[in-house]
């Protein structure tokens, strides 16, 4: 059965009131607070239909009603009005992020900012090496037989490895190796570098080949084999701010899920394009998060997605405000990475 405009207006009012007050919503309160243009009896009839259709429910013996996951989903898809950020909020985001000194600082500022603005748990994935390109490769002599390989990705991520050379290596050879690896690999996606690294060994002069062969194995390990994805988390204490009905009365499953980095990566690291993803309650694949909602998106310079970010909170969430904030912060972080 389709819902008419009036019943949709009643559902929107219930969601907005419950999010704002944390109290189950009754028909009289709806009539007093919203210009629905009908009597409490009519609103009660509409609420009975909404309950029958599975959009709202009655928690224990309360006289009021609260939205179900299905009710929130309809609200997010059809009824919520986008809540634009105020100029002051936009300036605050810009100022806070512009002070960052390096990639670590960008990630930590971003996750703290998201947690403060949304009052939820914030999760930010470090730019994924799998989605990055090589900006520069540096070789730093440590001794006559040891080099430090430093790989700088276009996202600002830095990886370092020690290279034990097969024998003493002259400074001129180090210069040649540095030039050759940069000419071959700069601006290449890390996932596309293996055949190019192999070609370096095949193409180099015979006297440099042993050194290049040793360097290439460390290069492959740096560029391809060790994609350790990292996550930053902030605002866990925000979970305790809610009402009795949030998280079905128990925070323990949520806290256990947040301790698992694999779970966090699954939540926000699988975003392929910069679209918003809103998962409500039972829509979450992870059992421990079926009493929570997750709002996430990808971020990166221009149209390139290098990581995900988002927030997790109760299903009783200010969806329009949260979606607007997550979207705005992702855009500012992307702009910042593009400037670097």
Protein backbone atom coordinates (compact mmCIF):
# COMPACT_ATOMS: atom_id res chain seq x y z
CA UNK A 1 0.00 0.00 0.00
CA UNK A 2 1.42 3.41 -1.02
CA UNK A 3 1.48 6.19 1.56
CA UNK A 4 -0.25 9.46 0.72
CA UNK A 5 1.37 12.85 1.29
CA UNK A 6 -0.26 13.36 4.69
CA UNK A 7 1.00 10.05 6.08
CA UNK A 8 4.46 10.84 4.70
CA UNK A 9 4.29 14.24 6.45
CA UNK A 10 3.35 12.47 9.70
CA UNK A 11 6.28 10.05 9.32
CA UNK A 12 8.68 12.93 8.64
CA UNK A 13 7.40 14.73 11.75
CA UNK A 14 7.83 11.58 13.90
CA UNK A 15 11.42 11.07 12.71
CA UNK A 16 12.37 14.73 13.22
CA UNK A 17 10.79 14.88 16.70
CA UNK A 18 12.27 11.59 17.86
CA UNK A 19 15.77 12.55 16.66
CA UNK A 20 15.46 15.92 18.43
CA UNK A 21 13.90 14.78 21.72
CA UNK A 22 14.95 11.11 22.12
CA UNK A 23 11.38 10.55 23.38
CA UNK A 24 8.71 8.37 21.69
CA UNK A 25 6.30 10.66 19.81
CA UNK A 26 2.54 10.85 20.42
CA UNK A 27 -0.22 12.19 18.16
CA UNK A 28 -1.03 15.18 20.41
CA UNK A 29 2.59 16.35 20.41
CA UNK A 30 2.73 16.06 16.61
CA UNK A 31 -0.39 18.22 16.18
CA UNK A 32 0.99 20.83 18.61
CA UNK A 33 4.46 20.99 17.08
CA UNK A 34 3.75 20.64 13.35
CA UNK A 35 1.29 22.33 11.02
CA UNK A 36 -0.31 19.10 9.85
CA UNK A 37 -3.73 20.72 9.43
CA UNK A 38 -5.66 17.75 10.89
CA UNK A 39 -6.98 16.61 14.29
CA UNK A 40 -5.10 14.33 16.73
CA UNK A 41 -7.63 11.56 15.91
CA UNK A 42 -6.72 11.73 12.20
CA UNK A 43 -3.02 11.69 13.08
CA UNK A 44 -3.65 8.63 15.30
CA UNK A 45 -5.29 6.85 12.35
CA UNK A 46 -2.34 7.75 10.12
CA UNK A 47 0.08 6.47 12.79
CA UNK A 48 -1.86 3.19 12.97
CA UNK A 49 -1.38 2.74 9.20
CA UNK A 50 2.34 3.63 9.47
CA UNK A 51 2.71 1.07 12.25
CA UNK A 52 0.89 -1.59 10.27
CA UNK A 53 3.15 -0.93 7.28
CA UNK A 54 6.27 -1.31 9.47
CA UNK A 55 7.48 2.32 9.38
CA UNK A 56 7.02 3.03 13.11
CA UNK A 57 6.69 0.88 16.23
CA UNK A 58 5.62 1.17 19.86
CA UNK A 59 8.52 0.62 22.30
CA UNK A 60 7.35 -1.40 25.37
CA UNK A 61 4.46 0.32 27.19
CA UNK A 62 5.11 3.85 25.94
CA UNK A 63 2.15 5.72 24.50
CA UNK A 64 4.33 7.21 21.75
CA UNK A 65 5.90 5.71 18.63
CA UNK A 66 9.45 5.61 17.27
CA UNK A 67 10.65 5.04 13.67
CA UNK A 68 11.83 1.59 12.53
CA UNK A 69 14.81 1.01 10.22
CA UNK A 70 12.28 0.94 7.38
CA UNK A 71 10.86 4.29 8.49
CA UNK A 72 14.32 5.87 8.61
CA UNK A 73 15.12 4.46 5.16
CA UNK A 74 12.01 6.04 3.65
CA UNK A 75 12.86 9.30 5.43
CA UNK A 76 16.41 9.33 4.03
CA UNK A 77 15.36 8.36 0.49
CA UNK A 78 12.24 10.51 0.07
CA UNK A 79 11.46 12.84 2.93
CA UNK A 80 14.61 14.43 4.30
CA UNK A 81 15.54 17.90 3.21
CA UNK A 82 19.26 18.51 2.69
CA UNK A 83 20.49 20.69 5.50
CA UNK A 84 23.21 22.93 4.06
CA UNK A 85 26.12 23.88 6.29
CA UNK A 86 26.14 27.46 7.55
CA UNK A 87 28.90 29.80 6.32
CA UNK A 88 30.37 29.68 9.86
CA UNK A 89 30.53 25.86 9.77
CA UNK A 90 32.18 25.93 6.35
CA UNK A 91 34.78 28.47 7.51
CA UNK A 92 35.47 26.35 10.62
CA UNK A 93 36.09 23.24 8.49
CA UNK A 94 38.36 25.13 6.12
CA UNK A 95 40.37 26.81 8.90
CA UNK A 96 40.76 23.60 10.89
CA UNK A 97 41.98 21.55 7.91
CA UNK A 98 44.22 24.25 6.40
CA UNK A 99 46.43 24.19 9.50
CA UNK A 100 47.52 20.60 8.76
CA UNK A 101 51.27 20.11 8.29
CA UNK A 102 51.38 16.62 6.72
CA UNK A 103 49.18 13.66 5.74
CA UNK A 104 49.02 12.24 9.30
CA UNK A 105 47.88 15.64 10.53
CA UNK A 106 45.25 15.89 7.78
CA UNK A 107 43.79 12.49 8.74
CA UNK A 108 43.80 13.17 12.49
CA UNK A 109 42.29 16.65 12.07
CA UNK A 110 39.63 15.24 9.72
CA UNK A 111 38.54 12.47 12.10
CA UNK A 112 38.39 14.84 15.11
CA UNK A 113 36.46 17.42 13.09
CA UNK A 114 33.90 14.86 11.86
CA UNK A 115 33.34 13.58 15.41
CA UNK A 116 32.88 17.12 16.77
CA UNK A 117 30.54 18.33 14.02
CA UNK A 118 28.29 15.25 13.88
CA UNK A 119 28.58 14.18 17.55
CA UNK A 120 29.00 10.60 16.31
CA UNK A 121 31.92 8.16 16.03
CA UNK A 122 34.09 9.23 13.09
CA UNK A 123 36.25 6.91 10.97
CA UNK A 124 38.77 8.02 8.32
CA UNK A 125 40.80 5.67 6.14
CA UNK A 126 44.31 6.84 5.31
CA UNK A 127 44.74 7.26 1.55
CA UNK A 128 45.01 3.72 0.22
CA UNK A 129 48.33 2.84 -1.40
CA UNK A 130 46.45 0.55 -3.76
CA UNK A 131 44.73 3.63 -5.22
CA UNK A 132 47.77 5.95 -5.17
CA UNK A 133 50.39 6.89 -7.76
CA UNK A 134 54.14 7.39 -7.36
CA UNK A 135 55.08 11.04 -6.92
CA UNK A 136 58.82 10.58 -6.21
CA UNK A 137 61.33 7.89 -5.24
CA UNK A 138 64.40 8.91 -3.23
CA UNK A 139 67.52 6.81 -2.55
CA UNK A 140 69.54 7.94 0.46
CA UNK A 141 72.97 6.32 1.07
CA UNK A 142 73.25 5.09 4.69
CA UNK A 143 76.62 3.35 4.19
CA UNK A 144 78.61 1.99 1.23
CA UNK A 145 76.31 -1.08 1.06
CA UNK A 146 73.01 0.22 2.43
CA UNK A 147 70.43 2.59 0.94
CA UNK A 148 67.21 4.00 2.33
CA UNK A 149 64.41 3.84 -0.27
CA UNK A 150 61.75 6.51 0.30
CA UNK A 151 58.55 6.32 -1.76
CA UNK A 152 56.28 9.40 -1.74
CA UNK A 153 52.78 8.83 -3.13
CA UNK A 154 50.65 11.51 -4.79
CA UNK A 155 48.38 11.45 -1.73
CA UNK A 156 51.24 12.46 0.56
CA UNK A 157 51.71 8.99 2.00
CA UNK A 158 55.37 8.09 2.62
CA UNK A 159 56.83 4.57 2.77
CA UNK A 160 60.45 3.82 3.73
CA UNK A 161 62.49 0.62 3.30
CA UNK A 162 66.12 -0.29 3.96
CA UNK A 163 67.95 -1.83 0.96
CA UNK A 164 70.96 -4.11 1.63
CA UNK A 165 73.02 -3.92 -1.57
CA UNK A 166 75.07 -6.96 -2.79
CA UNK A 167 78.31 -4.95 -2.45
CA UNK A 168 79.69 -1.40 -2.07
CA UNK A 169 77.90 1.04 -4.40
CA UNK A 170 79.53 4.28 -5.66
CA UNK A 171 77.68 7.61 -5.31
CA UNK A 172 77.44 7.95 -9.13
CA UNK A 173 75.65 4.59 -9.35
CA UNK A 174 73.17 5.71 -6.67
CA UNK A 175 72.47 8.82 -8.76
CA UNK A 176 71.92 6.68 -11.87
CA UNK A 177 69.60 4.29 -10.03
CA UNK A 178 67.57 7.20 -8.61
CA UNK A 179 67.18 8.75 -12.08
CA UNK A 180 66.18 5.47 -13.73
CA UNK A 181 63.53 4.47 -11.17
CA UNK A 182 61.96 7.94 -11.21
CA UNK A 183 61.90 8.15 -15.01
CA UNK A 184 60.19 4.76 -15.16
CA UNK A 185 57.73 4.94 -12.26
CA UNK A 186 56.71 8.54 -11.45
CA UNK A 187 52.97 9.20 -12.06
CA UNK A 188 52.22 5.45 -12.37
CA UNK A 189 49.48 3.85 -10.25
CA UNK A 190 51.14 1.61 -7.66
CA UNK A 191 49.01 -1.33 -8.79
CA UNK A 192 50.44 -0.96 -12.33
CA UNK A 193 54.16 -0.81 -11.40
CA UNK A 194 55.26 -4.52 -11.29
CA UNK A 195 55.94 -4.98 -15.03
CA UNK A 196 57.77 -1.62 -15.11
CA UNK A 197 59.96 -2.62 -12.16
CA UNK A 198 60.82 -5.90 -13.92
CA UNK A 199 61.64 -3.92 -17.09
CA UNK A 200 64.11 -1.79 -15.11
CA UNK A 201 66.20 -4.91 -14.36
CA UNK A 202 66.07 -6.07 -18.00
CA UNK A 203 66.93 -2.66 -19.49
CA UNK A 204 69.73 -1.48 -17.17
CA UNK A 205 73.43 -1.78 -18.12
CA UNK A 206 75.13 -5.05 -17.02
CA UNK A 207 77.34 -3.34 -14.40
CA UNK A 208 74.25 -1.87 -12.63
CA UNK A 209 72.11 -5.02 -12.95
CA UNK A 210 72.96 -6.68 -9.58
CA UNK A 211 72.23 -3.42 -7.72
CA UNK A 212 68.98 -2.84 -9.71
CA UNK A 213 67.85 -6.45 -9.11
CA UNK A 214 68.24 -5.99 -5.34
CA UNK A 215 66.54 -2.58 -5.45
CA UNK A 216 63.67 -3.90 -7.61
CA UNK A 217 62.71 -6.62 -5.09
CA UNK A 218 62.44 -3.98 -2.33
CA UNK A 219 60.60 -1.68 -4.74
CA UNK A 220 57.99 -4.37 -5.42
CA UNK A 221 57.55 -4.96 -1.70
CA UNK A 222 57.11 -1.21 -1.14
CA UNK A 223 54.84 -0.48 -4.08
CA UNK A 224 52.67 -3.58 -4.29
CA UNK A 225 53.02 -6.29 -1.70
CA UNK A 226 52.56 -4.42 1.56
CA UNK A 227 49.32 -2.54 1.29
CA UNK A 228 48.71 -2.08 4.99
CA UNK A 229 45.56 -0.01 5.15
CA UNK A 230 45.35 2.30 8.13
CA UNK A 231 42.36 3.76 9.92
CA UNK A 232 41.85 6.68 12.32
CA UNK A 233 38.96 6.71 14.82
CA UNK A 234 37.56 9.47 17.06
CA UNK A 235 34.48 10.28 19.12
CA UNK A 236 33.78 6.86 20.67
CA UNK A 237 32.54 8.66 23.81
CA UNK A 238 29.71 10.14 21.68
CA UNK A 239 28.07 6.69 21.76
CA UNK A 240 27.10 7.29 25.41
CA UNK A 241 25.20 10.52 24.66
CA UNK A 242 22.02 8.86 23.42
CA UNK A 243 18.80 7.62 24.97
CA UNK A 244 17.83 4.23 26.39
CA UNK A 245 16.47 2.98 23.07
CA UNK A 246 19.68 3.65 21.14
CA UNK A 247 21.70 0.56 20.13
CA UNK A 248 18.94 -1.69 21.55
CA UNK A 249 20.13 -0.82 25.04
CA UNK A 250 23.68 -2.27 24.73
CA UNK A 251 26.89 -0.56 23.56
CA UNK A 252 29.06 -3.64 23.93
CA UNK A 253 28.57 -5.11 20.40
CA UNK A 254 29.25 -1.67 18.87
CA UNK A 255 32.44 -1.17 20.93
CA UNK A 256 33.65 -4.67 20.02
CA UNK A 257 33.09 -3.95 16.31
CA UNK A 258 34.98 -0.64 16.55
CA UNK A 259 38.05 -2.44 17.90
CA UNK A 260 38.34 -4.47 14.69
CA UNK A 261 40.24 -2.62 11.96
CA UNK A 262 38.95 -5.09 9.36
CA UNK A 263 35.38 -4.14 10.32
CA UNK A 264 36.14 -0.42 10.06
CA UNK A 265 37.71 -0.87 6.62
CA UNK A 266 34.65 -2.78 5.47
CA UNK A 267 32.45 0.05 6.74
CA UNK A 268 34.13 2.92 4.94
CA UNK A 269 36.96 1.55 2.79
CA UNK A 270 34.88 -0.03 0.04
CA UNK A 271 33.56 3.19 -1.50
CA UNK A 272 34.34 3.12 -5.21
CA UNK A 273 33.02 6.51 -6.26
CA UNK A 274 32.23 9.69 -4.36
CA UNK A 275 28.59 8.86 -3.72
CA UNK A 276 27.09 8.97 -0.24
CA UNK A 277 26.32 5.62 1.32
CA UNK A 278 23.78 5.43 4.16
CA UNK A 279 23.30 2.05 5.84
CA UNK A 280 20.59 1.88 8.49
CA UNK A 281 20.33 -0.80 11.19
CA UNK A 282 19.76 -4.23 9.64
CA UNK A 283 21.18 -3.02 6.30
CA UNK A 284 24.65 -3.38 7.89
CA UNK A 285 26.30 -6.69 6.98
CA UNK A 286 28.20 -6.79 10.29
CA UNK A 287 26.03 -8.38 13.00
CA UNK A 288 27.37 -6.21 15.83
CA UNK A 289 26.33 -3.05 13.96
CA UNK A 290 22.71 -3.94 13.22
CA UNK A 291 21.58 -1.41 15.84
CA UNK A 292 23.65 1.41 14.26
CA UNK A 293 23.65 3.58 11.15
CA UNK A 294 26.70 4.38 9.03
CA UNK A 295 27.02 7.38 6.70
CA UNK A 296 30.12 7.21 4.48
CA UNK A 297 31.65 8.48 1.25
CA UNK A 298 34.90 8.37 -0.68
CA UNK A 299 37.38 11.24 -0.79
CA UNK A 300 40.37 12.19 -2.91
CA UNK A 301 41.89 14.82 -5.20
CA UNK A 302 39.58 15.72 -8.09
CA UNK A 303 37.60 12.68 -9.26
CA UNK A 304 40.13 10.17 -7.89
CA UNK A 305 38.99 8.27 -4.78
CA UNK A 306 41.91 7.36 -2.49
CA UNK A 307 40.06 6.45 0.71
CA UNK A 308 36.80 6.49 2.61
CA UNK A 309 35.49 8.46 5.57
CA UNK A 310 32.27 8.46 7.53
CA UNK A 311 30.48 8.35 10.83
CA UNK A 312 28.70 5.71 12.88
CA UNK A 313 25.91 6.39 15.36
CA UNK A 314 22.46 5.30 16.51
CA UNK A 315 19.72 4.80 13.91
CA UNK A 316 18.14 7.81 15.65
CA UNK A 317 20.50 10.09 13.73
CA UNK A 318 20.14 13.56 12.25
CA UNK A 319 20.52 12.18 8.71
CA UNK A 320 20.22 15.45 6.73
CA UNK A 321 22.81 17.21 8.94
CA UNK A 322 25.15 14.21 9.07
CA UNK A 323 25.04 13.62 5.30
CA UNK A 324 25.76 17.32 4.61
CA UNK A 325 28.71 17.35 7.05
CA UNK A 326 30.28 14.11 5.77
CA UNK A 327 29.94 15.35 2.17
CA UNK A 328 31.44 18.78 2.96
CA UNK A 329 34.39 17.42 4.96
CA UNK A 330 35.16 14.85 2.21
CA UNK A 331 35.17 17.64 -0.37
CA UNK A 332 37.52 19.87 1.69
CA UNK A 333 39.94 16.97 2.31
CA UNK A 334 39.93 16.18 -1.41
CA UNK A 335 40.69 19.83 -2.25
CA UNK A 336 43.52 19.83 0.28
CA UNK A 337 45.07 16.70 -1.25
CA UNK A 338 44.73 18.20 -4.73
CA UNK A 339 46.60 21.37 -3.61
CA UNK A 340 49.46 19.28 -2.29
